[in-house]
Amino acid sequence: MYDYPTSVHRHEFTPEQLQTTITDSGSVPRHGLTAAVLIFTVLVGSGSYFYGYLTQTENNPYLPFIGPELPDNGLWREACGECHLAYHPTLLPARSWQRMLAEQHDHFEEDLDLDEDTLAELHRFSAENAAESVLTEAAWKINRTTPPEQSLLRITKTPYWREQHQNIADEIWQHPDINFQGNCGACHLDAELGTFEDAAMRLPTTIP
């Protein structure tokens, strides 16, 4: 090694000394390489984040966050999804589903006319995965805020739903792409999955 004075200036080194110092010392930062690595990292990260938004379509919107995979049941989807969205059992307490199935011949002025085997399977699936199961944040909040003496039949009548939607103007509900309060899929991209994550919520693009 060279015996340098305590205080030195760059012009006091020979080219050979400068080269030796840079080679032998690991503390001299390579600013150009560091900057290139940082820029590359930012570009890759930004591209990964925005890729989903750039490639989404109206029929296949991008979900920036996907919640937990909930239990599914083909018979539930068939029986409950024939006329409307097959609302996942997590959206009501078990007592509500029990009442709804018990009153199947007067289901909002419709007769479901379910056979005994189908009815038994729907009872089982709804009881195991109702709001009390707290499989999602929405389920936990619905279960916590619904009075135990109430067996509400409409999700839109639960205290949690009403609190979450209280600031939505009537003209929004009346928009053709929403039309009624039970049309969850109009604003919740994960409505069919039943997770109802905040990141999957947005108004239809046709609403200014």
N, C-alpha and C. Protein backbone atom coordinates (compact mmCIF):
# COMPACT_ATOMS: atom_id res chain seq x y z
N MET A 1 0.83 -1.20 0.00
CA MET A 1 0.00 0.00 0.00
C MET A 1 0.87 1.25 0.00
N TYR A 2 0.29 2.37 -0.46
CA TYR A 2 1.01 3.62 -0.48
C TYR A 2 0.88 4.31 0.86
N ASP A 3 1.93 5.05 1.22
CA ASP A 3 1.91 5.80 2.48
C ASP A 3 1.45 7.21 2.17
N TYR A 4 0.10 7.42 2.20
CA TYR A 4 -0.45 8.71 1.83
C TYR A 4 -0.40 9.67 3.01
N PRO A 5 -0.26 10.95 2.74
CA PRO A 5 -0.35 11.95 3.82
C PRO A 5 -1.76 11.94 4.42
N THR A 6 -1.87 12.62 5.56
CA THR A 6 -3.17 12.66 6.23
C THR A 6 -4.21 13.35 5.37
N SER A 7 -3.85 14.47 4.72
CA SER A 7 -4.77 15.20 3.86
C SER A 7 -4.20 15.23 2.45
N VAL A 8 -4.95 14.69 1.51
CA VAL A 8 -4.46 14.60 0.14
C VAL A 8 -5.52 15.11 -0.80
N HIS A 9 -5.09 15.42 -2.02
CA HIS A 9 -5.98 15.85 -3.08
C HIS A 9 -5.78 14.95 -4.28
N ARG A 10 -6.81 14.87 -5.12
CA ARG A 10 -6.77 13.95 -6.24
C ARG A 10 -5.58 14.21 -7.16
N HIS A 11 -5.24 15.50 -7.35
CA HIS A 11 -4.16 15.80 -8.30
C HIS A 11 -2.79 15.34 -7.78
N GLU A 12 -2.72 14.99 -6.49
CA GLU A 12 -1.44 14.54 -5.94
C GLU A 12 -1.17 13.07 -6.24
N PHE A 13 -2.19 12.32 -6.75
CA PHE A 13 -2.01 10.91 -7.09
C PHE A 13 -1.57 10.77 -8.54
N THR A 14 -0.77 9.76 -8.78
CA THR A 14 -0.45 9.38 -10.16
C THR A 14 -1.58 8.52 -10.68
N PRO A 15 -1.75 8.38 -12.01
CA PRO A 15 -2.80 7.51 -12.56
C PRO A 15 -2.73 6.10 -12.02
N GLU A 16 -1.49 5.58 -11.84
CA GLU A 16 -1.33 4.21 -11.33
C GLU A 16 -1.86 4.10 -9.90
N GLN A 17 -1.61 5.14 -9.09
CA GLN A 17 -2.08 5.12 -7.71
C GLN A 17 -3.61 5.17 -7.64
N LEU A 18 -4.20 6.01 -8.51
CA LEU A 18 -5.66 6.09 -8.53
C LEU A 18 -6.28 4.76 -8.91
N GLN A 19 -5.72 4.08 -9.93
CA GLN A 19 -6.26 2.81 -10.37
C GLN A 19 -6.14 1.76 -9.29
N THR A 20 -4.99 1.77 -8.59
CA THR A 20 -4.77 0.81 -7.51
C THR A 20 -5.75 1.05 -6.37
N THR A 21 -6.01 2.33 -6.06
CA THR A 21 -6.94 2.66 -4.98
C THR A 21 -8.34 2.17 -5.29
N ILE A 22 -8.81 2.40 -6.52
CA ILE A 22 -10.15 1.99 -6.91
C ILE A 22 -10.27 0.48 -6.92
N THR A 23 -9.22 -0.21 -7.36
CA THR A 23 -9.25 -1.66 -7.44
C THR A 23 -9.20 -2.30 -6.07
N ASP A 24 -8.35 -1.78 -5.19
CA ASP A 24 -8.15 -2.39 -3.88
C ASP A 24 -9.24 -2.05 -2.89
N SER A 25 -9.91 -0.93 -3.05
CA SER A 25 -10.90 -0.50 -2.06
C SER A 25 -12.30 -0.85 -2.53
N GLY A 26 -13.05 -1.55 -1.68
CA GLY A 26 -14.43 -1.89 -2.03
C GLY A 26 -15.41 -0.83 -1.63
N SER A 27 -14.92 0.30 -1.11
CA SER A 27 -15.82 1.32 -0.60
C SER A 27 -16.13 2.41 -1.60
N VAL A 28 -15.49 2.40 -2.75
CA VAL A 28 -15.75 3.42 -3.76
C VAL A 28 -16.99 3.04 -4.55
N PRO A 29 -18.11 3.78 -4.45
CA PRO A 29 -19.35 3.39 -5.11
C PRO A 29 -19.27 3.55 -6.62
N ARG A 30 -19.90 2.65 -7.31
CA ARG A 30 -19.99 2.75 -8.77
C ARG A 30 -21.35 3.37 -9.08
N HIS A 31 -21.37 4.69 -9.15
CA HIS A 31 -22.64 5.40 -9.25
C HIS A 31 -23.42 5.04 -10.50
N GLY A 32 -22.74 4.87 -11.59
CA GLY A 32 -23.44 4.55 -12.83
C GLY A 32 -24.16 3.22 -12.75
N LEU A 33 -23.48 2.20 -12.24
CA LEU A 33 -24.09 0.87 -12.13
C LEU A 33 -25.24 0.88 -11.13
N THR A 34 -25.04 1.58 -10.02
CA THR A 34 -26.10 1.67 -9.01
C THR A 34 -27.35 2.33 -9.57
N ALA A 35 -27.16 3.42 -10.31
CA ALA A 35 -28.29 4.12 -10.91
C ALA A 35 -29.02 3.23 -11.91
N ALA A 36 -28.25 2.49 -12.70
CA ALA A 36 -28.86 1.61 -13.70
C ALA A 36 -29.71 0.53 -13.04
N VAL A 37 -29.18 -0.03 -11.95
CA VAL A 37 -29.92 -1.07 -11.23
C VAL A 37 -31.21 -0.51 -10.64
N LEU A 38 -31.12 0.69 -10.06
CA LEU A 38 -32.31 1.32 -9.48
C LEU A 38 -33.37 1.62 -10.53
N ILE A 39 -32.93 2.16 -11.67
CA ILE A 39 -33.87 2.47 -12.75
C ILE A 39 -34.54 1.20 -13.26
N PHE A 40 -33.75 0.15 -13.43
CA PHE A 40 -34.29 -1.13 -13.91
C PHE A 40 -35.32 -1.68 -12.93
N THR A 41 -35.00 -1.59 -11.65
CA THR A 41 -35.92 -2.09 -10.62
C THR A 41 -37.23 -1.33 -10.63
N VAL A 42 -37.15 0.01 -10.76
CA VAL A 42 -38.36 0.84 -10.80
C VAL A 42 -39.20 0.51 -12.03
N LEU A 43 -38.55 0.35 -13.18
CA LEU A 43 -39.27 0.06 -14.41
C LEU A 43 -39.97 -1.29 -14.35
N VAL A 44 -39.27 -2.30 -13.83
CA VAL A 44 -39.86 -3.63 -13.72
C VAL A 44 -41.03 -3.61 -12.74
N GLY A 45 -40.82 -2.94 -11.60
CA GLY A 45 -41.89 -2.87 -10.60
C GLY A 45 -43.11 -2.14 -11.12
N SER A 46 -42.89 -1.02 -11.80
CA SER A 46 -44.01 -0.25 -12.35
C SER A 46 -44.73 -1.03 -13.43
N GLY A 47 -43.95 -1.70 -14.28
CA GLY A 47 -44.57 -2.49 -15.34
C GLY A 47 -45.43 -3.61 -14.79
N SER A 48 -44.93 -4.27 -13.74
CA SER A 48 -45.70 -5.35 -13.13
C SER A 48 -46.98 -4.84 -12.51
N TYR A 49 -46.92 -3.66 -11.90
CA TYR A 49 -48.10 -3.10 -11.22
C TYR A 49 -49.17 -2.68 -12.23
N PHE A 50 -48.74 -1.99 -13.29
CA PHE A 50 -49.71 -1.44 -14.24
C PHE A 50 -50.11 -2.41 -15.34
N TYR A 51 -49.40 -3.55 -15.46
CA TYR A 51 -49.69 -4.48 -16.55
C TYR A 51 -51.15 -4.93 -16.53
N GLY A 52 -51.64 -5.26 -15.34
CA GLY A 52 -53.02 -5.72 -15.24
C GLY A 52 -54.02 -4.68 -15.69
N TYR A 53 -53.78 -3.41 -15.34
CA TYR A 53 -54.68 -2.34 -15.75
C TYR A 53 -54.61 -2.11 -17.26
N LEU A 54 -53.43 -2.26 -17.85
CA LEU A 54 -53.26 -2.01 -19.27
C LEU A 54 -53.87 -3.10 -20.13
N THR A 55 -53.96 -4.31 -19.60
CA THR A 55 -54.45 -5.44 -20.38
C THR A 55 -55.88 -5.83 -20.05
N GLN A 56 -56.51 -5.15 -19.09
CA GLN A 56 -57.87 -5.51 -18.72
C GLN A 56 -58.86 -5.15 -19.81
N THR A 57 -59.97 -5.86 -19.84
CA THR A 57 -61.05 -5.57 -20.77
C THR A 57 -62.34 -5.39 -19.96
N GLU A 58 -63.38 -4.95 -20.63
CA GLU A 58 -64.65 -4.73 -19.94
C GLU A 58 -65.19 -6.03 -19.37
N ASN A 59 -65.00 -7.13 -20.10
CA ASN A 59 -65.50 -8.43 -19.64
C ASN A 59 -64.51 -9.16 -18.74
N ASN A 60 -63.29 -8.69 -18.69
CA ASN A 60 -62.28 -9.32 -17.84
C ASN A 60 -61.49 -8.25 -17.11
N PRO A 61 -62.11 -7.58 -16.14
CA PRO A 61 -61.44 -6.49 -15.42
C PRO A 61 -60.33 -7.02 -14.53
N TYR A 62 -59.37 -6.16 -14.28
CA TYR A 62 -58.21 -6.54 -13.47
C TYR A 62 -58.54 -6.46 -11.99
N LEU A 63 -58.20 -7.49 -11.25
CA LEU A 63 -58.36 -7.50 -9.80
C LEU A 63 -56.99 -7.34 -9.16
N PRO A 64 -56.68 -6.15 -8.62
CA PRO A 64 -55.36 -5.93 -8.04
C PRO A 64 -55.10 -6.77 -6.80
N PHE A 65 -56.17 -7.21 -6.14
CA PHE A 65 -56.01 -8.07 -4.97
C PHE A 65 -57.13 -9.08 -4.95
N ILE A 66 -56.79 -10.33 -4.82
CA ILE A 66 -57.79 -11.40 -4.77
C ILE A 66 -57.84 -11.93 -3.35
N GLY A 67 -59.02 -11.95 -2.78
CA GLY A 67 -59.19 -12.40 -1.41
C GLY A 67 -59.09 -13.91 -1.29
N PRO A 68 -59.41 -14.45 -0.13
CA PRO A 68 -59.31 -15.89 0.09
C PRO A 68 -60.28 -16.66 -0.79
N GLU A 69 -59.89 -17.84 -1.20
CA GLU A 69 -60.77 -18.69 -2.00
C GLU A 69 -61.82 -19.30 -1.07
N LEU A 70 -63.07 -18.97 -1.31
CA LEU A 70 -64.14 -19.42 -0.44
C LEU A 70 -64.69 -20.77 -0.88
N PRO A 71 -65.26 -21.53 0.05
CA PRO A 71 -65.90 -22.80 -0.33
C PRO A 71 -66.98 -22.56 -1.37
N ASP A 72 -67.05 -23.45 -2.34
CA ASP A 72 -68.01 -23.31 -3.43
C ASP A 72 -68.89 -24.55 -3.47
N ASN A 73 -70.03 -24.41 -4.12
CA ASN A 73 -70.97 -25.52 -4.22
C ASN A 73 -71.78 -25.36 -5.49
N GLY A 74 -71.67 -26.32 -6.38
CA GLY A 74 -72.36 -26.23 -7.66
C GLY A 74 -73.87 -26.19 -7.52
N LEU A 75 -74.40 -26.95 -6.58
CA LEU A 75 -75.85 -26.97 -6.38
C LEU A 75 -76.34 -25.62 -5.86
N TRP A 76 -75.55 -25.01 -4.98
CA TRP A 76 -75.90 -23.68 -4.47
C TRP A 76 -75.94 -22.67 -5.62
N ARG A 77 -74.92 -22.71 -6.47
CA ARG A 77 -74.88 -21.77 -7.60
C ARG A 77 -76.05 -22.01 -8.56
N GLU A 78 -76.39 -23.26 -8.76
CA GLU A 78 -77.48 -23.57 -9.69
C GLU A 78 -78.83 -23.13 -9.13
N ALA A 79 -79.08 -23.45 -7.86
CA ALA A 79 -80.38 -23.15 -7.27
C ALA A 79 -80.55 -21.66 -6.99
N CYS A 80 -79.46 -21.02 -6.54
CA CYS A 80 -79.57 -19.61 -6.13
C CYS A 80 -79.21 -18.64 -7.25
N GLY A 81 -78.53 -19.11 -8.27
CA GLY A 81 -78.07 -18.21 -9.32
C GLY A 81 -78.91 -18.23 -10.57
N GLU A 82 -80.03 -18.93 -10.54
CA GLU A 82 -80.87 -19.01 -11.73
C GLU A 82 -81.51 -17.67 -12.07
N CYS A 83 -81.87 -16.90 -11.04
CA CYS A 83 -82.56 -15.63 -11.27
C CYS A 83 -81.72 -14.41 -10.92
N HIS A 84 -80.67 -14.60 -10.12
CA HIS A 84 -79.84 -13.47 -9.69
C HIS A 84 -78.47 -14.01 -9.30
N LEU A 85 -77.61 -13.14 -8.84
CA LEU A 85 -76.30 -13.56 -8.36
C LEU A 85 -76.45 -14.59 -7.25
N ALA A 86 -75.66 -15.65 -7.31
CA ALA A 86 -75.67 -16.65 -6.24
C ALA A 86 -74.87 -16.10 -5.07
N TYR A 87 -75.54 -15.32 -4.24
CA TYR A 87 -74.87 -14.67 -3.11
C TYR A 87 -74.23 -15.73 -2.21
N HIS A 88 -72.97 -15.49 -1.86
CA HIS A 88 -72.28 -16.47 -1.02
C HIS A 88 -72.88 -16.48 0.37
N PRO A 89 -72.95 -17.64 1.03
CA PRO A 89 -73.55 -17.73 2.37
C PRO A 89 -72.91 -16.82 3.41
N THR A 90 -71.67 -16.39 3.18
CA THR A 90 -71.01 -15.52 4.16
C THR A 90 -71.70 -14.17 4.31
N LEU A 91 -72.62 -13.85 3.41
CA LEU A 91 -73.24 -12.52 3.42
C LEU A 91 -74.47 -12.41 4.32
N LEU A 92 -74.86 -13.51 4.96
CA LEU A 92 -75.97 -13.49 5.92
C LEU A 92 -75.68 -14.49 7.04
N PRO A 93 -76.21 -14.25 8.22
CA PRO A 93 -76.07 -15.24 9.30
C PRO A 93 -76.80 -16.54 8.95
N ALA A 94 -76.43 -17.62 9.59
CA ALA A 94 -77.03 -18.93 9.31
C ALA A 94 -78.53 -18.92 9.55
N ARG A 95 -78.99 -18.20 10.58
CA ARG A 95 -80.42 -18.17 10.88
C ARG A 95 -81.23 -17.55 9.74
N SER A 96 -80.61 -16.63 9.00
CA SER A 96 -81.30 -16.02 7.85
C SER A 96 -81.47 -17.04 6.73
N TRP A 97 -80.41 -17.80 6.46
CA TRP A 97 -80.49 -18.82 5.42
C TRP A 97 -81.49 -19.91 5.81
N GLN A 98 -81.50 -20.28 7.08
CA GLN A 98 -82.45 -21.30 7.53
C GLN A 98 -83.89 -20.83 7.31
N ARG A 99 -84.15 -19.59 7.65
CA ARG A 99 -85.49 -19.04 7.45
C ARG A 99 -85.83 -18.98 5.96
N MET A 100 -84.87 -18.56 5.15
CA MET A 100 -85.11 -18.42 3.72
C MET A 100 -85.46 -19.77 3.09
N LEU A 101 -84.74 -20.81 3.49
CA LEU A 101 -84.99 -22.14 2.93
C LEU A 101 -86.29 -22.72 3.48
N ALA A 102 -86.59 -22.40 4.73
CA ALA A 102 -87.85 -22.88 5.31
C ALA A 102 -89.05 -22.24 4.62
N GLU A 103 -88.86 -21.05 4.09
CA GLU A 103 -89.93 -20.32 3.40
C GLU A 103 -89.75 -20.38 1.88
N GLN A 104 -89.20 -21.48 1.39
CA GLN A 104 -88.85 -21.58 -0.03
C GLN A 104 -90.05 -21.44 -0.96
N HIS A 105 -91.24 -21.76 -0.49
CA HIS A 105 -92.42 -21.66 -1.37
C HIS A 105 -92.95 -20.23 -1.47
N ASP A 106 -92.35 -19.33 -0.69
CA ASP A 106 -92.70 -17.90 -0.79
C ASP A 106 -91.40 -17.10 -0.75
N HIS A 107 -90.57 -17.35 -1.73
CA HIS A 107 -89.25 -16.71 -1.81
C HIS A 107 -89.38 -15.42 -2.61
N PHE A 108 -89.67 -14.33 -1.90
CA PHE A 108 -89.90 -13.04 -2.55
C PHE A 108 -90.91 -13.17 -3.69
N GLU A 109 -92.04 -13.80 -3.35
CA GLU A 109 -93.18 -14.01 -4.24
C GLU A 109 -92.89 -15.04 -5.33
N GLU A 110 -91.88 -15.85 -5.12
CA GLU A 110 -91.57 -16.95 -6.04
C GLU A 110 -91.56 -18.26 -5.27
N ASP A 111 -91.90 -19.35 -5.94
CA ASP A 111 -91.86 -20.68 -5.34
C ASP A 111 -90.62 -21.41 -5.86
N LEU A 112 -89.65 -21.64 -4.98
CA LEU A 112 -88.42 -22.31 -5.40
C LEU A 112 -88.68 -23.79 -5.72
N ASP A 113 -89.62 -24.40 -5.01
CA ASP A 113 -90.01 -25.78 -5.25
C ASP A 113 -88.79 -26.72 -5.26
N LEU A 114 -87.99 -26.63 -4.22
CA LEU A 114 -86.79 -27.47 -4.11
C LEU A 114 -87.15 -28.82 -3.52
N ASP A 115 -86.54 -29.89 -4.05
CA ASP A 115 -86.78 -31.22 -3.48
C ASP A 115 -86.01 -31.38 -2.18
N GLU A 116 -86.31 -32.44 -1.46
CA GLU A 116 -85.75 -32.62 -0.12
C GLU A 116 -84.22 -32.75 -0.13
N ASP A 117 -83.68 -33.48 -1.09
CA ASP A 117 -82.22 -33.66 -1.16
C ASP A 117 -81.52 -32.33 -1.44
N THR A 118 -82.06 -31.58 -2.38
CA THR A 118 -81.48 -30.27 -2.68
C THR A 118 -81.57 -29.35 -1.48
N LEU A 119 -82.70 -29.36 -0.83
CA LEU A 119 -82.92 -28.51 0.34
C LEU A 119 -81.93 -28.86 1.45
N ALA A 120 -81.72 -30.15 1.65
CA ALA A 120 -80.79 -30.58 2.70
C ALA A 120 -79.36 -30.12 2.40
N GLU A 121 -78.96 -30.21 1.14
CA GLU A 121 -77.60 -29.80 0.77
C GLU A 121 -77.43 -28.29 0.90
N LEU A 122 -78.44 -27.54 0.54
CA LEU A 122 -78.37 -26.08 0.68
C LEU A 122 -78.34 -25.68 2.16
N HIS A 123 -79.08 -26.40 2.98
CA HIS A 123 -79.04 -26.16 4.42
C HIS A 123 -77.62 -26.39 4.94
N ARG A 124 -77.04 -27.49 4.53
CA ARG A 124 -75.69 -27.84 5.01
C ARG A 124 -74.67 -26.80 4.58
N PHE A 125 -74.66 -26.46 3.30
CA PHE A 125 -73.65 -25.53 2.78
C PHE A 125 -73.80 -24.14 3.39
N SER A 126 -75.02 -23.67 3.54
CA SER A 126 -75.23 -22.34 4.10
C SER A 126 -74.89 -22.30 5.58
N ALA A 127 -75.19 -23.36 6.31
CA ALA A 127 -74.89 -23.39 7.75
C ALA A 127 -73.39 -23.40 7.99
N GLU A 128 -72.65 -24.12 7.17
CA GLU A 128 -71.20 -24.24 7.35
C GLU A 128 -70.45 -22.98 6.93
N ASN A 129 -71.03 -22.19 6.04
CA ASN A 129 -70.29 -21.06 5.47
C ASN A 129 -71.00 -19.72 5.63
N ALA A 130 -71.91 -19.63 6.57
CA ALA A 130 -72.64 -18.38 6.82
C ALA A 130 -71.72 -17.33 7.42
N ALA A 131 -72.28 -16.18 7.71
CA ALA A 131 -71.47 -15.06 8.23
C ALA A 131 -70.72 -15.43 9.50
N GLU A 132 -71.28 -16.33 10.30
CA GLU A 132 -70.62 -16.75 11.54
C GLU A 132 -69.27 -17.42 11.29
N SER A 133 -69.07 -17.90 10.08
CA SER A 133 -67.79 -18.56 9.76
C SER A 133 -66.65 -17.56 9.65
N VAL A 134 -66.99 -16.26 9.55
CA VAL A 134 -66.03 -15.15 9.41
C VAL A 134 -64.92 -15.47 8.41
N LEU A 135 -65.29 -16.01 7.27
CA LEU A 135 -64.31 -16.34 6.23
C LEU A 135 -63.79 -15.10 5.52
N THR A 136 -64.52 -14.00 5.60
CA THR A 136 -64.10 -12.75 4.98
C THR A 136 -64.32 -11.60 5.97
N GLU A 137 -63.75 -10.46 5.64
CA GLU A 137 -63.97 -9.27 6.47
C GLU A 137 -65.44 -8.88 6.48
N ALA A 138 -66.07 -8.96 5.31
CA ALA A 138 -67.49 -8.62 5.23
C ALA A 138 -68.33 -9.55 6.10
N ALA A 139 -68.00 -10.84 6.08
CA ALA A 139 -68.74 -11.81 6.90
C ALA A 139 -68.62 -11.47 8.38
N TRP A 140 -67.41 -11.14 8.81
CA TRP A 140 -67.19 -10.81 10.22
C TRP A 140 -68.01 -9.59 10.62
N LYS A 141 -68.04 -8.57 9.77
CA LYS A 141 -68.76 -7.34 10.10
C LYS A 141 -70.27 -7.54 10.03
N ILE A 142 -70.74 -8.32 9.09
CA ILE A 142 -72.17 -8.61 9.01
C ILE A 142 -72.63 -9.37 10.25
N ASN A 143 -71.86 -10.36 10.64
CA ASN A 143 -72.21 -11.15 11.82
C ASN A 143 -72.16 -10.31 13.09
N ARG A 144 -71.19 -9.41 13.18
CA ARG A 144 -71.01 -8.61 14.38
C ARG A 144 -72.09 -7.54 14.54
N THR A 145 -72.60 -7.03 13.43
CA THR A 145 -73.53 -5.89 13.50
C THR A 145 -75.00 -6.28 13.36
N THR A 146 -75.29 -7.50 12.97
CA THR A 146 -76.68 -7.92 12.84
C THR A 146 -77.21 -8.40 14.19
N PRO A 147 -78.25 -7.79 14.72
CA PRO A 147 -78.80 -8.20 16.01
C PRO A 147 -79.18 -9.68 16.01
N PRO A 148 -78.86 -10.41 17.07
CA PRO A 148 -79.11 -11.85 17.11
C PRO A 148 -80.59 -12.22 17.01
N GLU A 149 -81.47 -11.30 17.35
CA GLU A 149 -82.90 -11.60 17.28
C GLU A 149 -83.47 -11.40 15.87
N GLN A 150 -82.65 -10.91 14.95
CA GLN A 150 -83.11 -10.66 13.58
C GLN A 150 -82.66 -11.77 12.64
N SER A 151 -83.57 -12.21 11.78
CA SER A 151 -83.26 -13.18 10.73
C SER A 151 -83.59 -12.53 9.39
N LEU A 152 -82.78 -11.57 9.03
CA LEU A 152 -83.04 -10.78 7.82
C LEU A 152 -82.91 -11.63 6.57
N LEU A 153 -83.79 -11.39 5.61
CA LEU A 153 -83.76 -12.15 4.37
C LEU A 153 -83.04 -11.40 3.25
N ARG A 154 -82.89 -10.13 3.40
CA ARG A 154 -82.22 -9.33 2.37
C ARG A 154 -80.86 -8.85 2.89
N ILE A 155 -79.83 -9.09 2.11
CA ILE A 155 -78.50 -8.61 2.47
C ILE A 155 -78.51 -7.09 2.57
N THR A 156 -79.28 -6.46 1.72
CA THR A 156 -79.33 -4.99 1.69
C THR A 156 -80.02 -4.39 2.92
N LYS A 157 -80.60 -5.23 3.76
CA LYS A 157 -81.23 -4.74 4.99
C LYS A 157 -80.32 -4.90 6.21
N THR A 158 -79.18 -5.52 6.04
CA THR A 158 -78.28 -5.70 7.18
C THR A 158 -77.67 -4.36 7.56
N PRO A 159 -77.44 -4.13 8.85
CA PRO A 159 -76.86 -2.85 9.28
C PRO A 159 -75.53 -2.54 8.60
N TYR A 160 -74.71 -3.57 8.41
CA TYR A 160 -73.40 -3.32 7.80
C TYR A 160 -73.56 -2.86 6.36
N TRP A 161 -74.42 -3.52 5.59
CA TRP A 161 -74.62 -3.11 4.19
C TRP A 161 -75.13 -1.67 4.13
N ARG A 162 -76.11 -1.36 4.96
CA ARG A 162 -76.71 -0.02 4.94
C ARG A 162 -75.69 1.05 5.31
N GLU A 163 -74.82 0.74 6.26
CA GLU A 163 -73.79 1.70 6.64
C GLU A 163 -72.80 1.94 5.51
N GLN A 164 -72.42 0.86 4.83
CA GLN A 164 -71.43 0.97 3.76
C GLN A 164 -71.96 1.70 2.54
N HIS A 165 -73.26 1.68 2.33
CA HIS A 165 -73.83 2.25 1.10
C HIS A 165 -74.69 3.49 1.36
N GLN A 166 -74.64 4.03 2.55
CA GLN A 166 -75.55 5.12 2.90
C GLN A 166 -75.29 6.42 2.12
N ASN A 167 -74.09 6.59 1.60
CA ASN A 167 -73.77 7.84 0.90
C ASN A 167 -73.92 7.74 -0.61
N ILE A 168 -74.45 6.64 -1.10
CA ILE A 168 -74.64 6.48 -2.54
C ILE A 168 -75.97 7.11 -2.94
N ALA A 169 -75.92 8.04 -3.86
CA ALA A 169 -77.11 8.79 -4.27
C ALA A 169 -78.10 7.90 -5.02
N ASP A 170 -79.37 8.29 -4.98
CA ASP A 170 -80.42 7.51 -5.64
C ASP A 170 -80.17 7.40 -7.14
N GLU A 171 -79.64 8.46 -7.74
CA GLU A 171 -79.42 8.41 -9.20
C GLU A 171 -78.36 7.38 -9.59
N ILE A 172 -77.46 7.08 -8.67
CA ILE A 172 -76.47 6.03 -8.93
C ILE A 172 -77.16 4.67 -8.97
N TRP A 173 -78.02 4.41 -7.98
CA TRP A 173 -78.74 3.14 -7.95
C TRP A 173 -79.64 2.99 -9.18
N GLN A 174 -80.17 4.08 -9.66
CA GLN A 174 -81.10 4.03 -10.78
C GLN A 174 -80.41 3.97 -12.14
N HIS A 175 -79.09 4.06 -12.14
CA HIS A 175 -78.36 4.00 -13.41
C HIS A 175 -78.60 2.64 -14.07
N PRO A 176 -78.78 2.60 -15.39
CA PRO A 176 -79.07 1.34 -16.08
C PRO A 176 -78.06 0.23 -15.84
N ASP A 177 -76.80 0.59 -15.58
CA ASP A 177 -75.79 -0.44 -15.36
C ASP A 177 -75.78 -0.96 -13.92
N ILE A 178 -76.60 -0.38 -13.06
CA ILE A 178 -76.74 -0.89 -11.68
C ILE A 178 -78.18 -1.35 -11.47
N ASN A 179 -79.12 -0.42 -11.58
CA ASN A 179 -80.55 -0.73 -11.65
C ASN A 179 -81.20 -1.08 -10.31
N PHE A 180 -80.54 -1.86 -9.46
CA PHE A 180 -81.13 -2.18 -8.16
C PHE A 180 -80.01 -2.50 -7.17
N GLN A 181 -80.33 -2.41 -5.89
CA GLN A 181 -79.32 -2.52 -4.85
C GLN A 181 -78.71 -3.91 -4.73
N GLY A 182 -79.41 -4.92 -5.19
CA GLY A 182 -78.88 -6.28 -5.10
C GLY A 182 -77.94 -6.65 -6.23
N ASN A 183 -77.70 -5.73 -7.15
CA ASN A 183 -76.81 -6.01 -8.28
C ASN A 183 -75.36 -5.77 -7.87
N CYS A 184 -74.86 -6.61 -7.00
CA CYS A 184 -73.52 -6.41 -6.43
C CYS A 184 -72.42 -6.39 -7.48
N GLY A 185 -72.59 -7.22 -8.51
CA GLY A 185 -71.55 -7.34 -9.52
C GLY A 185 -71.31 -6.09 -10.34
N ALA A 186 -72.24 -5.13 -10.28
CA ALA A 186 -72.06 -3.89 -11.03
C ALA A 186 -70.87 -3.09 -10.52
N CYS A 187 -70.61 -3.16 -9.23
CA CYS A 187 -69.54 -2.37 -8.62
C CYS A 187 -68.45 -3.22 -7.96
N HIS A 188 -68.80 -4.44 -7.60
CA HIS A 188 -67.84 -5.32 -6.93
C HIS A 188 -67.38 -6.38 -7.93
N LEU A 189 -66.13 -6.26 -8.38
CA LEU A 189 -65.63 -7.16 -9.41
C LEU A 189 -65.50 -8.59 -8.91
N ASP A 190 -65.45 -8.77 -7.60
CA ASP A 190 -65.32 -10.12 -7.03
C ASP A 190 -66.63 -10.60 -6.41
N ALA A 191 -67.75 -10.06 -6.86
CA ALA A 191 -69.04 -10.43 -6.27
C ALA A 191 -69.32 -11.92 -6.43
N GLU A 192 -69.02 -12.48 -7.58
CA GLU A 192 -69.27 -13.90 -7.78
C GLU A 192 -68.38 -14.76 -6.91
N LEU A 193 -67.20 -14.26 -6.58
CA LEU A 193 -66.30 -14.99 -5.68
C LEU A 193 -66.77 -14.89 -4.24
N GLY A 194 -67.52 -13.83 -3.92
CA GLY A 194 -68.05 -13.65 -2.58
C GLY A 194 -67.13 -12.98 -1.60
N THR A 195 -65.96 -12.51 -2.06
CA THR A 195 -64.97 -11.97 -1.13
C THR A 195 -65.18 -10.49 -0.81
N PHE A 196 -65.64 -9.71 -1.76
CA PHE A 196 -65.96 -8.29 -1.57
C PHE A 196 -64.80 -7.52 -0.92
N GLU A 197 -63.65 -7.60 -1.58
CA GLU A 197 -62.47 -6.86 -1.13
C GLU A 197 -62.57 -5.40 -1.58
N ASP A 198 -62.03 -4.51 -0.78
CA ASP A 198 -62.06 -3.08 -1.12
C ASP A 198 -61.37 -2.81 -2.45
N ALA A 199 -60.28 -3.53 -2.73
CA ALA A 199 -59.51 -3.30 -3.95
C ALA A 199 -60.27 -3.71 -5.20
N ALA A 200 -61.35 -4.47 -5.05
CA ALA A 200 -62.11 -4.94 -6.21
C ALA A 200 -63.40 -4.15 -6.39
N MET A 201 -63.47 -2.98 -5.80
CA MET A 201 -64.70 -2.19 -5.83
C MET A 201 -64.50 -0.93 -6.66
N ARG A 202 -65.42 -0.69 -7.60
CA ARG A 202 -65.38 0.53 -8.42
C ARG A 202 -66.74 0.70 -9.10
N LEU A 203 -67.09 1.94 -9.37
CA LEU A 203 -68.32 2.21 -10.09
C LEU A 203 -68.16 1.84 -11.56
N PRO A 204 -69.23 1.48 -12.24
CA PRO A 204 -69.13 1.20 -13.68
C PRO A 204 -68.53 2.39 -14.43
N THR A 205 -67.79 2.10 -15.47
CA THR A 205 -67.12 3.16 -16.23
C THR A 205 -68.11 4.09 -16.92
N THR A 206 -69.35 3.67 -17.05
CA THR A 206 -70.35 4.50 -17.71
C THR A 206 -70.92 5.57 -16.78
N ILE A 207 -70.56 5.51 -15.50
CA ILE A 207 -71.03 6.51 -14.54
C ILE A 207 -69.96 7.59 -14.40
N PRO A 208 -70.27 8.85 -14.71
CA PRO A 208 -69.25 9.91 -14.66
C PRO A 208 -68.82 10.21 -13.23
